[in-house]
Amino acid sequence: MGEYSGDAGDGMRSNEGQKFSTFDRDNDLFEKNCALDSKGGWWFTDCGGT
């Protein structure tokens, strides 16, 4: 991801440097499979929101 500019806030900042995880490839550092739990792939730091 690149730079962000605007006044809406940067909700993706916490995902910076994370690997993309899917239900069959759990690449995040969290103990659970967040992609399986949320039924979708993402750059998870944990199983919470962005």
PDB file of N, CA and C in Angstrom:
ATOM      1  N   MET A   1       0.841  -1.173   0.000  1.00  0.00           N
ATOM      2  CA  MET A   1       0.000   0.000   0.000  1.00  0.00           C
ATOM      3  C   MET A   1       0.883   1.230   0.000  1.00  0.00           C
ATOM      4  N   GLY A   2       0.399   2.293  -0.574  1.00  0.00           N
ATOM      5  CA  GLY A   2       1.166   3.520  -0.673  1.00  0.00           C
ATOM      6  C   GLY A   2       0.689   4.576   0.308  1.00  0.00           C
ATOM      7  N   GLU A   3       1.047   5.796   0.013  1.00  0.00           N
ATOM      8  CA  GLU A   3       0.687   6.933   0.855  1.00  0.00           C
ATOM      9  C   GLU A   3      -0.812   7.213   0.778  1.00  0.00           C
ATOM     10  N   TYR A   4      -1.339   7.775   1.846  1.00  0.00           N
ATOM     11  CA  TYR A   4      -2.735   8.191   1.902  1.00  0.00           C
ATOM     12  C   TYR A   4      -2.778   9.681   2.171  1.00  0.00           C
ATOM     13  N   SER A   5      -3.656  10.390   1.503  1.00  0.00           N
ATOM     14  CA  SER A   5      -3.884  11.796   1.828  1.00  0.00           C
ATOM     15  C   SER A   5      -5.383  12.044   1.824  1.00  0.00           C
ATOM     16  N   GLY A   6      -5.832  12.855   2.735  1.00  0.00           N
ATOM     17  CA  GLY A   6      -7.248  13.156   2.864  1.00  0.00           C
ATOM     18  C   GLY A   6      -7.573  13.447   4.310  1.00  0.00           C
ATOM     19  N   ASP A   7      -8.833  13.703   4.598  1.00  0.00           N
ATOM     20  CA  ASP A   7      -9.211  14.046   5.968  1.00  0.00           C
ATOM     21  C   ASP A   7     -10.141  13.010   6.605  1.00  0.00           C
ATOM     22  N   ALA A   8     -10.281  11.849   5.989  1.00  0.00           N
ATOM     23  CA  ALA A   8     -11.166  10.809   6.523  1.00  0.00           C
ATOM     24  C   ALA A   8     -10.459   9.894   7.519  1.00  0.00           C
ATOM     25  N   GLY A   9      -9.175  10.078   7.727  1.00  0.00           N
ATOM     26  CA  GLY A   9      -8.416   9.189   8.601  1.00  0.00           C
ATOM     27  C   GLY A   9      -7.819   8.047   7.805  1.00  0.00           C
ATOM     28  N   ASP A  10      -6.845   7.400   8.366  1.00  0.00           N
ATOM     29  CA  ASP A  10      -6.146   6.318   7.671  1.00  0.00           C
ATOM     30  C   ASP A  10      -6.420   5.002   8.379  1.00  0.00           C
ATOM     31  N   GLY A  11      -7.558   4.383   8.067  1.00  0.00           N
ATOM     32  CA  GLY A  11      -7.959   3.137   8.706  1.00  0.00           C
ATOM     33  C   GLY A  11      -7.114   1.934   8.322  1.00  0.00           C
ATOM     34  N   MET A  12      -6.284   2.061   7.292  1.00  0.00           N
ATOM     35  CA  MET A  12      -5.444   0.947   6.851  1.00  0.00           C
ATOM     36  C   MET A  12      -4.061   0.959   7.500  1.00  0.00           C
ATOM     37  N   ARG A  13      -3.720   2.006   8.232  1.00  0.00           N
ATOM     38  CA  ARG A  13      -2.379   2.143   8.811  1.00  0.00           C
ATOM     39  C   ARG A  13      -2.003   0.925   9.663  1.00  0.00           C
ATOM     40  N   SER A  14      -2.937   0.395  10.440  1.00  0.00           N
ATOM     41  CA  SER A  14      -2.617  -0.736  11.321  1.00  0.00           C
ATOM     42  C   SER A  14      -2.299  -2.013  10.547  1.00  0.00           C
ATOM     43  N   ASN A  15      -2.662  -2.070   9.275  1.00  0.00           N
ATOM     44  CA  ASN A  15      -2.400  -3.255   8.460  1.00  0.00           C
ATOM     45  C   ASN A  15      -1.075  -3.173   7.712  1.00  0.00           C
ATOM     46  N   GLU A  16      -0.382  -2.053   7.838  1.00  0.00           N
ATOM     47  CA  GLU A  16       0.879  -1.852   7.126  1.00  0.00           C
ATOM     48  C   GLU A  16       1.898  -2.925   7.515  1.00  0.00           C
ATOM     49  N   GLY A  17       2.490  -3.558   6.531  1.00  0.00           N
ATOM     50  CA  GLY A  17       3.504  -4.584   6.771  1.00  0.00           C
ATOM     51  C   GLY A  17       2.955  -5.977   7.033  1.00  0.00           C
ATOM     52  N   GLN A  18       1.635  -6.125   7.096  1.00  0.00           N
ATOM     53  CA  GLN A  18       1.038  -7.431   7.353  1.00  0.00           C
ATOM     54  C   GLN A  18       0.955  -8.240   6.063  1.00  0.00           C
ATOM     55  N   LYS A  19       1.029  -9.550   6.204  1.00  0.00           N
ATOM     56  CA  LYS A  19       0.851 -10.440   5.058  1.00  0.00           C
ATOM     57  C   LYS A  19      -0.635 -10.711   4.865  1.00  0.00           C
ATOM     58  N   PHE A  20      -1.036 -10.936   3.612  1.00  0.00           N
ATOM     59  CA  PHE A  20      -2.435 -11.215   3.296  1.00  0.00           C
ATOM     60  C   PHE A  20      -2.765 -12.643   3.721  1.00  0.00           C
ATOM     61  N   SER A  21      -3.872 -12.819   4.444  1.00  0.00           N
ATOM     62  CA  SER A  21      -4.317 -14.137   4.899  1.00  0.00           C
ATOM     63  C   SER A  21      -5.636 -14.512   4.250  1.00  0.00           C
ATOM     64  N   THR A  22      -5.788 -15.799   3.956  1.00  0.00           N
ATOM     65  CA  THR A  22      -7.042 -16.354   3.461  1.00  0.00           C
ATOM     66  C   THR A  22      -7.397 -17.553   4.332  1.00  0.00           C
ATOM     67  N   PHE A  23      -8.590 -18.132   4.117  1.00  0.00           N
ATOM     68  CA  PHE A  23      -9.014 -19.253   4.964  1.00  0.00           C
ATOM     69  C   PHE A  23      -8.044 -20.422   4.907  1.00  0.00           C
ATOM     70  N   ASP A  24      -7.370 -20.607   3.761  1.00  0.00           N
ATOM     71  CA  ASP A  24      -6.457 -21.739   3.621  1.00  0.00           C
ATOM     72  C   ASP A  24      -4.980 -21.344   3.748  1.00  0.00           C
ATOM     73  N   ARG A  25      -4.696 -20.074   3.947  1.00  0.00           N
ATOM     74  CA  ARG A  25      -3.321 -19.590   4.160  1.00  0.00           C
ATOM     75  C   ARG A  25      -3.333 -18.556   5.272  1.00  0.00           C
ATOM     76  N   ASP A  26      -3.137 -19.032   6.497  1.00  0.00           N
ATOM     77  CA  ASP A  26      -3.185 -18.179   7.685  1.00  0.00           C
ATOM     78  C   ASP A  26      -1.815 -17.535   7.888  1.00  0.00           C
ATOM     79  N   ASN A  27      -1.605 -16.363   7.296  1.00  0.00           N
ATOM     80  CA  ASN A  27      -0.304 -15.695   7.338  1.00  0.00           C
ATOM     81  C   ASN A  27      -0.180 -14.631   8.417  1.00  0.00           C
ATOM     82  N   ASP A  28      -1.267 -14.343   9.139  1.00  0.00           N
ATOM     83  CA  ASP A  28      -1.175 -13.316  10.175  1.00  0.00           C
ATOM     84  C   ASP A  28      -0.501 -13.877  11.425  1.00  0.00           C
ATOM     85  N   LEU A  29      -0.164 -12.995  12.363  1.00  0.00           N
ATOM     86  CA  LEU A  29       0.544 -13.405  13.576  1.00  0.00           C
ATOM     87  C   LEU A  29      -0.405 -13.713  14.727  1.00  0.00           C
ATOM     88  N   PHE A  30      -1.710 -13.580  14.513  1.00  0.00           N
ATOM     89  CA  PHE A  30      -2.703 -13.850  15.552  1.00  0.00           C
ATOM     90  C   PHE A  30      -2.878 -15.355  15.707  1.00  0.00           C
ATOM     91  N   GLU A  31      -3.251 -15.813  16.912  1.00  0.00           N
ATOM     92  CA  GLU A  31      -3.337 -17.263  17.160  1.00  0.00           C
ATOM     93  C   GLU A  31      -4.493 -17.947  16.432  1.00  0.00           C
ATOM     94  N   LYS A  32      -5.552 -17.201  16.131  1.00  0.00           N
ATOM     95  CA  LYS A  32      -6.690 -17.773  15.403  1.00  0.00           C
ATOM     96  C   LYS A  32      -6.543 -17.510  13.910  1.00  0.00           C
ATOM     97  N   ASN A  33      -7.334 -18.207  13.106  1.00  0.00           N
ATOM     98  CA  ASN A  33      -7.377 -17.954  11.669  1.00  0.00           C
ATOM     99  C   ASN A  33      -8.458 -16.902  11.416  1.00  0.00           C
ATOM    100  N   CYS A  34      -8.048 -15.638  11.384  1.00  0.00           N
ATOM    101  CA  CYS A  34      -8.989 -14.523  11.245  1.00  0.00           C
ATOM    102  C   CYS A  34      -9.753 -14.570   9.931  1.00  0.00           C
ATOM    103  N   ALA A  35      -9.109 -14.991   8.855  1.00  0.00           N
ATOM    104  CA  ALA A  35      -9.778 -15.061   7.551  1.00  0.00           C
ATOM    105  C   ALA A  35     -10.893 -16.105   7.575  1.00  0.00           C
ATOM    106  N   LEU A  36     -10.659 -17.218   8.231  1.00  0.00           N
ATOM    107  CA  LEU A  36     -11.684 -18.256   8.348  1.00  0.00           C
ATOM    108  C   LEU A  36     -12.839 -17.752   9.209  1.00  0.00           C
ATOM    109  N   ASP A  37     -12.522 -17.117  10.337  1.00  0.00           N
ATOM    110  CA  ASP A  37     -13.557 -16.594  11.236  1.00  0.00           C
ATOM    111  C   ASP A  37     -14.407 -15.512  10.576  1.00  0.00           C
ATOM    112  N   SER A  38     -13.777 -14.639   9.792  1.00  0.00           N
ATOM    113  CA  SER A  38     -14.508 -13.520   9.181  1.00  0.00           C
ATOM    114  C   SER A  38     -15.028 -13.844   7.780  1.00  0.00           C
ATOM    115  N   LYS A  39     -14.693 -15.039   7.298  1.00  0.00           N
ATOM    116  CA  LYS A  39     -15.129 -15.504   5.969  1.00  0.00           C
ATOM    117  C   LYS A  39     -14.640 -14.592   4.844  1.00  0.00           C
ATOM    118  N   GLY A  40     -13.387 -14.150   4.962  1.00  0.00           N
ATOM    119  CA  GLY A  40     -12.806 -13.308   3.922  1.00  0.00           C
ATOM    120  C   GLY A  40     -11.331 -13.065   4.156  1.00  0.00           C
ATOM    121  N   GLY A  41     -10.604 -12.821   3.080  1.00  0.00           N
ATOM    122  CA  GLY A  41      -9.181 -12.539   3.179  1.00  0.00           C
ATOM    123  C   GLY A  41      -8.917 -11.090   3.555  1.00  0.00           C
ATOM    124  N   TRP A  42      -7.770 -10.842   4.221  1.00  0.00           N
ATOM    125  CA  TRP A  42      -7.420  -9.487   4.652  1.00  0.00           C
ATOM    126  C   TRP A  42      -5.985  -9.464   5.141  1.00  0.00           C
ATOM    127  N   TRP A  43      -5.465  -8.261   5.364  1.00  0.00           N
ATOM    128  CA  TRP A  43      -4.146  -8.053   5.964  1.00  0.00           C
ATOM    129  C   TRP A  43      -4.356  -7.943   7.470  1.00  0.00           C
ATOM    130  N   PHE A  44      -4.650  -9.048   8.123  1.00  0.00           N
ATOM    131  CA  PHE A  44      -5.031  -9.033   9.536  1.00  0.00           C
ATOM    132  C   PHE A  44      -3.844  -8.764  10.456  1.00  0.00           C
ATOM    133  N   THR A  45      -4.079  -7.922  11.478  1.00  0.00           N
ATOM    134  CA  THR A  45      -3.151  -7.821  12.600  1.00  0.00           C
ATOM    135  C   THR A  45      -3.731  -8.601  13.775  1.00  0.00           C
ATOM    136  N   ASP A  46      -5.042  -8.660  13.841  1.00  0.00           N
ATOM    137  CA  ASP A  46      -5.785  -9.485  14.786  1.00  0.00           C
ATOM    138  C   ASP A  46      -7.179  -9.675  14.189  1.00  0.00           C
ATOM    139  N   CYS A  47      -8.088 -10.285  14.921  1.00  0.00           N
ATOM    140  CA  CYS A  47      -9.408 -10.560  14.348  1.00  0.00           C
ATOM    141  C   CYS A  47     -10.408  -9.431  14.604  1.00  0.00           C
ATOM    142  N   GLY A  48      -9.916  -8.240  14.944  1.00  0.00           N
ATOM    143  CA  GLY A  48     -10.790  -7.081  15.150  1.00  0.00           C
ATOM    144  C   GLY A  48     -11.041  -6.327  13.860  1.00  0.00           C
ATOM    145  N   GLY A  49     -11.577  -5.126  13.977  1.00  0.00           N
ATOM    146  CA  GLY A  49     -11.857  -4.278  12.822  1.00  0.00           C
ATOM    147  C   GLY A  49     -10.609  -3.588  12.313  1.00  0.00           C
ATOM    148  N   THR A  50     -10.786  -2.758  11.286  1.00  0.00           N
ATOM    149  CA  THR A  50      -9.630  -2.059  10.722  1.00  0.00           C
ATOM    150  C   THR A  50      -9.119  -1.015  11.645  1.00  0.00           C
TER     151      THR A  50
END
